[in-house]
Amino acid sequence: MGFLDFLFGNKQDAIKEFQSRGAVIIDVRTPGEYQQGAIRGSKNIPLQNIASKINEIKKLNKPVITCCASGMRSGSAASILKSNGIEAVNGGGWSSLNAKL
């Protein structure tokens, strides 16, 4: 376990654990980016719309894995979700997340 894993936890383990509990994958890229390639079964909710979709996301009653192009926007989205009582983890860039699933 590396120092960053110690500080922040192992993201890979969190993703696997969330997945085992039927997590929803929310891709926070723009619709145009999403149409160019995405994880099968993921939901596209652009970052700028996340705050207005909190109640809809809560109704899913599942943990959430966020993703985007590089991991920056999905990190912001995960923080917004967590601050609203939704269990969320930043999955990072969609293509690297797809490879881990």
N, C-alpha and C. Protein backbone atom coordinates (compact mmCIF):
# COMPACT_ATOMS: atom_id res chain seq x y z
N MET A 1 0.85 -1.18 0.00
CA MET A 1 0.00 0.00 0.00
C MET A 1 0.89 1.23 0.00
N GLY A 2 0.68 2.11 -0.96
CA GLY A 2 1.46 3.32 -1.05
C GLY A 2 0.97 4.38 -0.08
N PHE A 3 1.75 5.44 0.05
CA PHE A 3 1.40 6.52 0.96
C PHE A 3 0.07 7.17 0.58
N LEU A 4 -0.15 7.38 -0.72
CA LEU A 4 -1.40 8.00 -1.16
C LEU A 4 -2.58 7.07 -0.89
N ASP A 5 -2.37 5.75 -1.06
CA ASP A 5 -3.44 4.80 -0.73
C ASP A 5 -3.78 4.89 0.76
N PHE A 6 -2.74 5.06 1.57
CA PHE A 6 -2.95 5.19 3.01
C PHE A 6 -3.79 6.44 3.32
N LEU A 7 -3.46 7.54 2.66
CA LEU A 7 -4.18 8.80 2.90
C LEU A 7 -5.60 8.79 2.34
N PHE A 8 -5.74 8.31 1.13
CA PHE A 8 -7.00 8.45 0.41
C PHE A 8 -7.75 7.15 0.20
N GLY A 9 -7.17 6.03 0.59
CA GLY A 9 -7.80 4.74 0.36
C GLY A 9 -7.48 4.28 -1.06
N ASN A 10 -7.64 3.00 -1.29
CA ASN A 10 -7.35 2.45 -2.60
C ASN A 10 -8.60 2.59 -3.47
N LYS A 11 -8.52 3.45 -4.49
CA LYS A 11 -9.68 3.72 -5.35
C LYS A 11 -10.14 2.45 -6.05
N GLN A 12 -9.22 1.61 -6.47
CA GLN A 12 -9.57 0.37 -7.15
C GLN A 12 -10.45 -0.51 -6.26
N ASP A 13 -10.07 -0.63 -4.99
CA ASP A 13 -10.87 -1.43 -4.04
C ASP A 13 -12.25 -0.82 -3.85
N ALA A 14 -12.32 0.50 -3.75
CA ALA A 14 -13.61 1.17 -3.56
C ALA A 14 -14.50 0.94 -4.78
N ILE A 15 -13.93 1.02 -5.97
CA ILE A 15 -14.71 0.81 -7.19
C ILE A 15 -15.26 -0.61 -7.22
N LYS A 16 -14.42 -1.58 -6.91
CA LYS A 16 -14.88 -2.98 -6.89
C LYS A 16 -15.98 -3.20 -5.85
N GLU A 17 -15.80 -2.60 -4.69
CA GLU A 17 -16.79 -2.74 -3.62
C GLU A 17 -18.11 -2.08 -4.03
N PHE A 18 -18.04 -0.90 -4.60
CA PHE A 18 -19.24 -0.21 -5.08
C PHE A 18 -19.93 -1.05 -6.16
N GLN A 19 -19.13 -1.59 -7.05
CA GLN A 19 -19.65 -2.41 -8.15
C GLN A 19 -20.40 -3.63 -7.61
N SER A 20 -19.87 -4.24 -6.57
CA SER A 20 -20.50 -5.42 -5.99
C SER A 20 -21.85 -5.10 -5.37
N ARG A 21 -22.09 -3.82 -5.10
CA ARG A 21 -23.36 -3.39 -4.52
C ARG A 21 -24.27 -2.74 -5.56
N GLY A 22 -23.97 -2.97 -6.84
CA GLY A 22 -24.85 -2.48 -7.90
C GLY A 22 -24.74 -0.99 -8.17
N ALA A 23 -23.55 -0.44 -8.04
CA ALA A 23 -23.35 0.99 -8.23
C ALA A 23 -23.80 1.46 -9.61
N VAL A 24 -24.24 2.71 -9.64
CA VAL A 24 -24.59 3.39 -10.89
C VAL A 24 -23.36 4.16 -11.33
N ILE A 25 -23.03 4.09 -12.61
CA ILE A 25 -21.91 4.87 -13.15
C ILE A 25 -22.50 6.11 -13.80
N ILE A 26 -22.09 7.27 -13.31
CA ILE A 26 -22.54 8.54 -13.87
C ILE A 26 -21.35 9.20 -14.55
N ASP A 27 -21.50 9.41 -15.86
CA ASP A 27 -20.48 10.06 -16.69
C ASP A 27 -20.85 11.54 -16.74
N VAL A 28 -19.96 12.40 -16.27
CA VAL A 28 -20.28 13.82 -16.15
C VAL A 28 -19.73 14.67 -17.31
N ARG A 29 -19.35 14.01 -18.39
CA ARG A 29 -18.89 14.76 -19.57
C ARG A 29 -20.09 15.37 -20.29
N THR A 30 -19.81 16.21 -21.27
CA THR A 30 -20.88 16.81 -22.08
C THR A 30 -21.54 15.72 -22.93
N PRO A 31 -22.78 15.94 -23.37
CA PRO A 31 -23.42 14.95 -24.24
C PRO A 31 -22.60 14.63 -25.49
N GLY A 32 -21.94 15.63 -26.07
CA GLY A 32 -21.10 15.41 -27.25
C GLY A 32 -19.93 14.48 -26.96
N GLU A 33 -19.27 14.68 -25.82
CA GLU A 33 -18.17 13.81 -25.42
C GLU A 33 -18.69 12.39 -25.17
N TYR A 34 -19.82 12.30 -24.49
CA TYR A 34 -20.41 11.01 -24.15
C TYR A 34 -20.75 10.20 -25.40
N GLN A 35 -21.25 10.87 -26.42
CA GLN A 35 -21.63 10.18 -27.66
C GLN A 35 -20.42 9.62 -28.40
N GLN A 36 -19.24 10.16 -28.13
CA GLN A 36 -18.03 9.68 -28.80
C GLN A 36 -17.49 8.40 -28.18
N GLY A 37 -18.07 7.96 -27.09
CA GLY A 37 -17.64 6.74 -26.41
C GLY A 37 -17.95 6.83 -24.94
N ALA A 38 -18.46 5.73 -24.38
CA ALA A 38 -18.84 5.73 -22.97
C ALA A 38 -18.90 4.30 -22.45
N ILE A 39 -18.99 4.16 -21.15
CA ILE A 39 -19.12 2.85 -20.52
C ILE A 39 -20.56 2.38 -20.71
N ARG A 40 -20.71 1.17 -21.19
CA ARG A 40 -22.04 0.60 -21.41
C ARG A 40 -22.85 0.63 -20.11
N GLY A 41 -24.06 1.13 -20.19
CA GLY A 41 -24.95 1.19 -19.04
C GLY A 41 -24.78 2.42 -18.16
N SER A 42 -23.80 3.26 -18.48
CA SER A 42 -23.60 4.47 -17.67
C SER A 42 -24.67 5.50 -18.00
N LYS A 43 -24.88 6.42 -17.06
CA LYS A 43 -25.82 7.52 -17.25
C LYS A 43 -25.03 8.79 -17.50
N ASN A 44 -25.46 9.58 -18.47
CA ASN A 44 -24.77 10.84 -18.77
C ASN A 44 -25.51 11.99 -18.08
N ILE A 45 -24.88 12.53 -17.05
CA ILE A 45 -25.39 13.73 -16.38
C ILE A 45 -24.21 14.70 -16.32
N PRO A 46 -24.17 15.68 -17.24
CA PRO A 46 -23.04 16.62 -17.25
C PRO A 46 -22.84 17.29 -15.89
N LEU A 47 -21.59 17.58 -15.58
CA LEU A 47 -21.24 18.15 -14.28
C LEU A 47 -22.11 19.36 -13.94
N GLN A 48 -22.34 20.23 -14.91
CA GLN A 48 -23.11 21.44 -14.61
C GLN A 48 -24.57 21.14 -14.24
N ASN A 49 -25.02 19.91 -14.47
CA ASN A 49 -26.40 19.52 -14.13
C ASN A 49 -26.50 18.66 -12.88
N ILE A 50 -25.37 18.24 -12.33
CA ILE A 50 -25.37 17.32 -11.19
C ILE A 50 -26.19 17.86 -10.01
N ALA A 51 -25.95 19.11 -9.63
CA ALA A 51 -26.64 19.67 -8.46
C ALA A 51 -28.15 19.66 -8.63
N SER A 52 -28.63 19.87 -9.84
CA SER A 52 -30.08 19.89 -10.07
C SER A 52 -30.68 18.48 -10.16
N LYS A 53 -29.84 17.46 -10.20
CA LYS A 53 -30.30 16.07 -10.32
C LYS A 53 -30.14 15.28 -9.03
N ILE A 54 -29.78 15.94 -7.93
CA ILE A 54 -29.51 15.25 -6.66
C ILE A 54 -30.68 14.37 -6.25
N ASN A 55 -31.90 14.90 -6.26
CA ASN A 55 -33.05 14.10 -5.82
C ASN A 55 -33.26 12.89 -6.71
N GLU A 56 -33.09 13.07 -8.01
CA GLU A 56 -33.21 11.96 -8.97
C GLU A 56 -32.17 10.88 -8.68
N ILE A 57 -30.94 11.30 -8.39
CA ILE A 57 -29.85 10.36 -8.09
C ILE A 57 -30.12 9.65 -6.76
N LYS A 58 -30.61 10.38 -5.76
CA LYS A 58 -30.93 9.77 -4.47
C LYS A 58 -31.98 8.67 -4.62
N LYS A 59 -32.95 8.89 -5.51
CA LYS A 59 -34.02 7.91 -5.72
C LYS A 59 -33.51 6.58 -6.27
N LEU A 60 -32.34 6.59 -6.90
CA LEU A 60 -31.75 5.35 -7.41
C LEU A 60 -31.38 4.43 -6.25
N ASN A 61 -31.10 5.03 -5.08
CA ASN A 61 -30.77 4.30 -3.86
C ASN A 61 -29.60 3.32 -4.06
N LYS A 62 -28.58 3.79 -4.77
CA LYS A 62 -27.39 2.98 -5.04
C LYS A 62 -26.16 3.85 -4.90
N PRO A 63 -25.02 3.23 -4.61
CA PRO A 63 -23.79 4.01 -4.61
C PRO A 63 -23.48 4.46 -6.04
N VAL A 64 -22.69 5.50 -6.17
CA VAL A 64 -22.40 6.10 -7.48
C VAL A 64 -20.89 6.12 -7.73
N ILE A 65 -20.52 5.72 -8.95
CA ILE A 65 -19.14 5.87 -9.44
C ILE A 65 -19.21 6.94 -10.51
N THR A 66 -18.47 8.02 -10.33
CA THR A 66 -18.46 9.09 -11.32
C THR A 66 -17.26 8.92 -12.24
N CYS A 67 -17.41 9.36 -13.49
CA CYS A 67 -16.29 9.35 -14.43
C CYS A 67 -16.43 10.52 -15.39
N CYS A 68 -15.35 10.85 -16.07
CA CYS A 68 -15.34 11.93 -17.07
C CYS A 68 -14.22 11.63 -18.06
N ALA A 69 -13.56 12.63 -18.56
CA ALA A 69 -12.47 12.39 -19.51
C ALA A 69 -11.16 12.08 -18.77
N SER A 70 -10.83 12.88 -17.76
CA SER A 70 -9.54 12.72 -17.08
C SER A 70 -9.63 12.43 -15.59
N GLY A 71 -10.76 12.72 -14.98
CA GLY A 71 -10.92 12.51 -13.55
C GLY A 71 -11.13 13.80 -12.78
N MET A 72 -10.94 14.95 -13.42
CA MET A 72 -11.12 16.23 -12.73
C MET A 72 -12.60 16.53 -12.48
N ARG A 73 -13.41 16.50 -13.53
CA ARG A 73 -14.84 16.80 -13.38
C ARG A 73 -15.53 15.74 -12.52
N SER A 74 -15.12 14.48 -12.69
CA SER A 74 -15.76 13.42 -11.89
C SER A 74 -15.40 13.56 -10.42
N GLY A 75 -14.23 14.09 -10.13
CA GLY A 75 -13.86 14.37 -8.74
C GLY A 75 -14.77 15.43 -8.14
N SER A 76 -15.03 16.47 -8.91
CA SER A 76 -15.95 17.52 -8.46
C SER A 76 -17.34 16.96 -8.26
N ALA A 77 -17.79 16.13 -9.20
CA ALA A 77 -19.13 15.54 -9.11
C ALA A 77 -19.24 14.65 -7.88
N ALA A 78 -18.22 13.83 -7.62
CA ALA A 78 -18.24 12.95 -6.45
C ALA A 78 -18.33 13.78 -5.17
N SER A 79 -17.61 14.88 -5.11
CA SER A 79 -17.65 15.76 -3.93
C SER A 79 -19.04 16.35 -3.74
N ILE A 80 -19.67 16.79 -4.82
CA ILE A 80 -21.03 17.35 -4.75
C ILE A 80 -21.99 16.28 -4.25
N LEU A 81 -21.89 15.08 -4.80
CA LEU A 81 -22.78 13.99 -4.39
C LEU A 81 -22.59 13.65 -2.91
N LYS A 82 -21.33 13.52 -2.49
CA LYS A 82 -21.04 13.19 -1.08
C LYS A 82 -21.59 14.26 -0.15
N SER A 83 -21.45 15.53 -0.53
CA SER A 83 -21.93 16.62 0.32
C SER A 83 -23.45 16.63 0.42
N ASN A 84 -24.11 15.89 -0.47
CA ASN A 84 -25.56 15.77 -0.44
C ASN A 84 -26.02 14.41 0.07
N GLY A 85 -25.12 13.70 0.73
CA GLY A 85 -25.48 12.45 1.38
C GLY A 85 -25.54 11.23 0.46
N ILE A 86 -24.93 11.33 -0.71
CA ILE A 86 -24.91 10.20 -1.64
C ILE A 86 -23.54 9.55 -1.58
N GLU A 87 -23.51 8.24 -1.42
CA GLU A 87 -22.25 7.51 -1.39
C GLU A 87 -21.65 7.52 -2.80
N ALA A 88 -20.49 8.12 -2.95
CA ALA A 88 -19.90 8.28 -4.28
C ALA A 88 -18.39 8.13 -4.23
N VAL A 89 -17.84 7.66 -5.36
CA VAL A 89 -16.39 7.57 -5.52
C VAL A 89 -16.05 8.07 -6.92
N ASN A 90 -14.91 8.75 -7.01
CA ASN A 90 -14.43 9.24 -8.30
C ASN A 90 -13.75 8.09 -9.02
N GLY A 91 -14.34 7.65 -10.13
CA GLY A 91 -13.76 6.57 -10.92
C GLY A 91 -12.69 7.05 -11.88
N GLY A 92 -12.54 8.36 -12.03
CA GLY A 92 -11.52 8.92 -12.91
C GLY A 92 -11.97 8.99 -14.36
N GLY A 93 -11.02 8.88 -15.27
CA GLY A 93 -11.31 8.92 -16.70
C GLY A 93 -12.13 7.71 -17.12
N TRP A 94 -13.09 7.92 -18.00
CA TRP A 94 -14.00 6.84 -18.37
C TRP A 94 -13.30 5.67 -19.03
N SER A 95 -12.30 5.92 -19.87
CA SER A 95 -11.66 4.81 -20.58
C SER A 95 -10.82 3.95 -19.62
N SER A 96 -10.13 4.59 -18.67
CA SER A 96 -9.36 3.78 -17.71
C SER A 96 -10.31 3.06 -16.75
N LEU A 97 -11.42 3.70 -16.38
CA LEU A 97 -12.40 3.04 -15.52
C LEU A 97 -13.00 1.84 -16.24
N ASN A 98 -13.31 2.01 -17.50
CA ASN A 98 -13.90 0.92 -18.30
C ASN A 98 -12.97 -0.30 -18.32
N ALA A 99 -11.68 -0.05 -18.38
CA ALA A 99 -10.69 -1.14 -18.39
C ALA A 99 -10.65 -1.88 -17.05
N LYS A 100 -11.00 -1.17 -15.95
CA LYS A 100 -10.96 -1.77 -14.61
C LYS A 100 -12.22 -2.57 -14.29
N LEU A 101 -13.29 -2.32 -15.04
CA LEU A 101 -14.58 -2.96 -14.73
C LEU A 101 -14.66 -4.36 -15.28
